[in-house]
Amino acid sequence: MAKDEEGIKVFVRLRPQNVKEQQLNRSSVEVSDKKQAVVVSSRIDGKSQTFSYDKVGGQDCDQAKVFEEVGKPMCEACIEGFN
């Protein structure tokens, strides 16, 4: 395992807004272009906050993509003897 792959990594997967959240229309959540940050924008005051992670899966990210990004490398590392 390469040195840059060691340690804890954080993967965030965004869910679509539910009906109530859509009706309230208070904020929007977007994934940055590089898929490493989540931008939460308030529609009330126009302010936004950015949260950074190692990887971000957007609302269209399915379980297979999560496994490819997170599960598969973890399983391969375990098989190689890293845990």
N, C-alpha and C. Protein backbone atom coordinates (compact mmCIF):
# COMPACT_ATOMS: atom_id res chain seq x y z
N MET A 1 0.85 -1.18 0.00
CA MET A 1 0.00 0.00 0.00
C MET A 1 0.89 1.23 0.00
N ALA A 2 0.61 2.16 -0.86
CA ALA A 2 1.40 3.38 -0.96
C ALA A 2 1.21 4.26 0.27
N LYS A 3 2.22 5.05 0.58
CA LYS A 3 2.19 5.90 1.77
C LYS A 3 1.01 6.87 1.76
N ASP A 4 0.66 7.41 0.58
CA ASP A 4 -0.44 8.38 0.50
C ASP A 4 -1.81 7.72 0.67
N GLU A 5 -1.87 6.41 0.66
CA GLU A 5 -3.13 5.70 0.83
C GLU A 5 -3.36 5.26 2.27
N GLU A 6 -2.38 5.49 3.15
CA GLU A 6 -2.50 5.09 4.54
C GLU A 6 -3.35 6.09 5.30
N GLY A 7 -3.92 5.65 6.40
CA GLY A 7 -4.69 6.54 7.25
C GLY A 7 -6.17 6.52 6.93
N ILE A 8 -6.89 7.29 7.69
CA ILE A 8 -8.34 7.34 7.55
C ILE A 8 -8.72 8.30 6.43
N LYS A 9 -9.60 7.85 5.57
CA LYS A 9 -10.14 8.68 4.49
C LYS A 9 -11.64 8.85 4.75
N VAL A 10 -12.16 9.99 4.38
CA VAL A 10 -13.58 10.27 4.59
C VAL A 10 -14.27 10.40 3.24
N PHE A 11 -15.28 9.55 3.02
CA PHE A 11 -16.09 9.58 1.80
C PHE A 11 -17.50 9.97 2.21
N VAL A 12 -18.04 10.98 1.56
CA VAL A 12 -19.39 11.45 1.86
C VAL A 12 -20.27 11.20 0.65
N ARG A 13 -21.43 10.66 0.91
CA ARG A 13 -22.41 10.42 -0.17
C ARG A 13 -23.66 11.23 0.15
N LEU A 14 -24.02 12.13 -0.76
CA LEU A 14 -25.19 12.98 -0.54
C LEU A 14 -26.46 12.27 -0.98
N ARG A 15 -27.51 12.47 -0.22
CA ARG A 15 -28.80 11.93 -0.61
C ARG A 15 -29.62 13.06 -1.25
N PRO A 16 -30.58 12.71 -2.08
CA PRO A 16 -31.45 13.75 -2.63
C PRO A 16 -32.29 14.38 -1.51
N GLN A 17 -32.71 15.62 -1.70
CA GLN A 17 -33.58 16.26 -0.72
C GLN A 17 -34.93 15.56 -0.70
N ASN A 18 -35.51 15.45 0.50
CA ASN A 18 -36.84 14.86 0.60
C ASN A 18 -37.89 15.92 0.23
N VAL A 19 -39.14 15.53 0.20
CA VAL A 19 -40.22 16.42 -0.23
C VAL A 19 -40.30 17.66 0.65
N LYS A 20 -40.20 17.48 1.96
CA LYS A 20 -40.30 18.62 2.88
C LYS A 20 -39.16 19.61 2.64
N GLU A 21 -37.93 19.09 2.46
CA GLU A 21 -36.78 19.96 2.20
C GLU A 21 -36.96 20.73 0.90
N GLN A 22 -37.51 20.08 -0.10
CA GLN A 22 -37.76 20.74 -1.38
C GLN A 22 -38.81 21.84 -1.23
N GLN A 23 -39.85 21.56 -0.46
CA GLN A 23 -40.92 22.55 -0.25
C GLN A 23 -40.41 23.77 0.52
N LEU A 24 -39.57 23.55 1.54
CA LEU A 24 -39.04 24.66 2.33
C LEU A 24 -38.05 25.50 1.53
N ASN A 25 -37.36 24.86 0.60
CA ASN A 25 -36.46 25.55 -0.34
C ASN A 25 -35.50 26.51 0.37
N ARG A 26 -34.95 26.08 1.50
CA ARG A 26 -34.06 26.95 2.29
C ARG A 26 -32.61 26.89 1.87
N SER A 27 -32.19 25.75 1.34
CA SER A 27 -30.78 25.63 0.99
C SER A 27 -30.59 24.67 -0.17
N SER A 28 -29.42 24.75 -0.77
CA SER A 28 -29.05 23.80 -1.80
C SER A 28 -27.72 23.18 -1.42
N VAL A 29 -27.52 21.95 -1.84
CA VAL A 29 -26.28 21.23 -1.55
C VAL A 29 -25.71 20.77 -2.88
N GLU A 30 -24.45 21.13 -3.12
CA GLU A 30 -23.81 20.79 -4.38
C GLU A 30 -22.44 20.17 -4.11
N VAL A 31 -21.98 19.38 -5.06
CA VAL A 31 -20.66 18.76 -4.99
C VAL A 31 -19.73 19.60 -5.85
N SER A 32 -18.52 19.86 -5.34
CA SER A 32 -17.54 20.64 -6.10
C SER A 32 -17.12 19.89 -7.36
N ASP A 33 -16.54 20.60 -8.30
CA ASP A 33 -16.10 20.00 -9.56
C ASP A 33 -15.09 18.89 -9.37
N LYS A 34 -14.24 19.02 -8.38
CA LYS A 34 -13.20 18.02 -8.15
C LYS A 34 -13.67 16.86 -7.29
N LYS A 35 -14.96 16.86 -6.91
CA LYS A 35 -15.56 15.79 -6.11
C LYS A 35 -14.86 15.61 -4.76
N GLN A 36 -14.41 16.73 -4.17
CA GLN A 36 -13.76 16.66 -2.86
C GLN A 36 -14.35 17.64 -1.86
N ALA A 37 -15.43 18.30 -2.23
CA ALA A 37 -16.05 19.26 -1.31
C ALA A 37 -17.55 19.32 -1.53
N VAL A 38 -18.25 19.66 -0.45
CA VAL A 38 -19.69 19.87 -0.49
C VAL A 38 -19.93 21.34 -0.19
N VAL A 39 -20.74 21.99 -1.03
CA VAL A 39 -21.07 23.40 -0.83
C VAL A 39 -22.54 23.49 -0.46
N VAL A 40 -22.80 24.02 0.72
CA VAL A 40 -24.17 24.20 1.21
C VAL A 40 -24.48 25.69 1.11
N SER A 41 -25.46 26.04 0.29
CA SER A 41 -25.83 27.44 0.09
C SER A 41 -27.20 27.71 0.66
N SER A 42 -27.31 28.80 1.42
CA SER A 42 -28.58 29.21 1.99
C SER A 42 -29.32 30.08 0.99
N ARG A 43 -30.56 29.77 0.74
CA ARG A 43 -31.37 30.60 -0.15
C ARG A 43 -32.00 31.76 0.61
N ILE A 44 -31.88 31.75 1.93
CA ILE A 44 -32.46 32.82 2.75
C ILE A 44 -31.51 34.03 2.81
N ASP A 45 -30.26 33.79 3.19
CA ASP A 45 -29.33 34.91 3.33
C ASP A 45 -28.22 34.93 2.27
N GLY A 46 -28.21 33.95 1.38
CA GLY A 46 -27.24 33.92 0.29
C GLY A 46 -25.85 33.45 0.69
N LYS A 47 -25.64 33.10 1.94
CA LYS A 47 -24.33 32.64 2.40
C LYS A 47 -24.14 31.18 2.04
N SER A 48 -22.88 30.79 1.92
CA SER A 48 -22.58 29.38 1.65
C SER A 48 -21.41 28.93 2.50
N GLN A 49 -21.37 27.63 2.75
CA GLN A 49 -20.28 27.01 3.50
C GLN A 49 -19.76 25.85 2.67
N THR A 50 -18.46 25.65 2.73
CA THR A 50 -17.83 24.55 2.01
C THR A 50 -17.21 23.59 3.01
N PHE A 51 -17.47 22.30 2.82
CA PHE A 51 -16.93 21.25 3.67
C PHE A 51 -16.09 20.33 2.79
N SER A 52 -14.85 20.10 3.17
CA SER A 52 -13.92 19.31 2.36
C SER A 52 -13.79 17.89 2.88
N TYR A 53 -13.69 16.95 1.95
CA TYR A 53 -13.54 15.53 2.26
C TYR A 53 -12.56 14.92 1.28
N ASP A 54 -12.19 13.67 1.50
CA ASP A 54 -11.30 12.99 0.57
C ASP A 54 -12.02 12.69 -0.74
N LYS A 55 -13.26 12.30 -0.66
CA LYS A 55 -14.08 12.03 -1.85
C LYS A 55 -15.53 12.36 -1.52
N VAL A 56 -16.28 12.79 -2.53
CA VAL A 56 -17.69 13.09 -2.35
C VAL A 56 -18.48 12.45 -3.48
N GLY A 57 -19.54 11.74 -3.11
CA GLY A 57 -20.46 11.18 -4.09
C GLY A 57 -21.71 12.03 -4.13
N GLY A 58 -22.09 12.46 -5.29
CA GLY A 58 -23.27 13.31 -5.45
C GLY A 58 -24.56 12.53 -5.28
N GLN A 59 -25.66 13.21 -5.52
CA GLN A 59 -26.98 12.60 -5.36
C GLN A 59 -27.21 11.46 -6.34
N ASP A 60 -26.44 11.42 -7.41
CA ASP A 60 -26.57 10.35 -8.41
C ASP A 60 -25.62 9.18 -8.16
N CYS A 61 -24.86 9.25 -7.08
CA CYS A 61 -23.89 8.21 -6.75
C CYS A 61 -24.62 6.96 -6.23
N ASP A 62 -24.38 5.82 -6.88
CA ASP A 62 -25.06 4.59 -6.45
C ASP A 62 -24.13 3.73 -5.59
N GLN A 63 -24.67 2.65 -5.08
CA GLN A 63 -23.93 1.77 -4.18
C GLN A 63 -22.70 1.15 -4.85
N ALA A 64 -22.81 0.86 -6.15
CA ALA A 64 -21.68 0.28 -6.87
C ALA A 64 -20.50 1.26 -6.91
N LYS A 65 -20.77 2.54 -7.11
CA LYS A 65 -19.72 3.56 -7.12
C LYS A 65 -19.07 3.68 -5.75
N VAL A 66 -19.89 3.63 -4.69
CA VAL A 66 -19.35 3.70 -3.32
C VAL A 66 -18.42 2.52 -3.09
N PHE A 67 -18.82 1.32 -3.52
CA PHE A 67 -17.97 0.15 -3.35
C PHE A 67 -16.66 0.30 -4.10
N GLU A 68 -16.72 0.79 -5.33
CA GLU A 68 -15.49 0.98 -6.13
C GLU A 68 -14.54 1.96 -5.46
N GLU A 69 -15.09 3.01 -4.88
CA GLU A 69 -14.26 4.06 -4.27
C GLU A 69 -13.76 3.69 -2.87
N VAL A 70 -14.57 2.96 -2.11
CA VAL A 70 -14.26 2.71 -0.70
C VAL A 70 -14.04 1.23 -0.39
N GLY A 71 -15.01 0.41 -0.71
CA GLY A 71 -14.98 -0.99 -0.31
C GLY A 71 -13.90 -1.81 -0.99
N LYS A 72 -13.78 -1.67 -2.28
CA LYS A 72 -12.83 -2.48 -3.03
C LYS A 72 -11.38 -2.22 -2.60
N PRO A 73 -10.93 -0.95 -2.52
CA PRO A 73 -9.56 -0.73 -2.04
C PRO A 73 -9.33 -1.25 -0.62
N MET A 74 -10.35 -1.16 0.23
CA MET A 74 -10.22 -1.64 1.60
C MET A 74 -10.08 -3.17 1.61
N CYS A 75 -10.89 -3.84 0.82
CA CYS A 75 -10.81 -5.31 0.74
C CYS A 75 -9.46 -5.75 0.17
N GLU A 76 -9.00 -5.05 -0.86
CA GLU A 76 -7.70 -5.40 -1.46
C GLU A 76 -6.56 -5.20 -0.46
N ALA A 77 -6.64 -4.12 0.33
CA ALA A 77 -5.60 -3.87 1.34
C ALA A 77 -5.61 -4.95 2.40
N CYS A 78 -6.79 -5.42 2.80
CA CYS A 78 -6.87 -6.50 3.79
C CYS A 78 -6.27 -7.78 3.25
N ILE A 79 -6.55 -8.07 1.97
CA ILE A 79 -6.01 -9.29 1.37
C ILE A 79 -4.49 -9.21 1.28
N GLU A 80 -3.96 -8.00 1.06
CA GLU A 80 -2.51 -7.81 0.98
C GLU A 80 -1.85 -7.82 2.36
N GLY A 81 -2.67 -7.82 3.41
CA GLY A 81 -2.11 -7.86 4.76
C GLY A 81 -2.14 -6.54 5.50
N PHE A 82 -2.71 -5.49 4.89
CA PHE A 82 -2.84 -4.21 5.58
C PHE A 82 -4.22 -4.18 6.21
N ASN A 83 -4.31 -3.69 7.46
CA ASN A 83 -5.63 -3.59 8.10
C ASN A 83 -5.72 -2.39 8.98
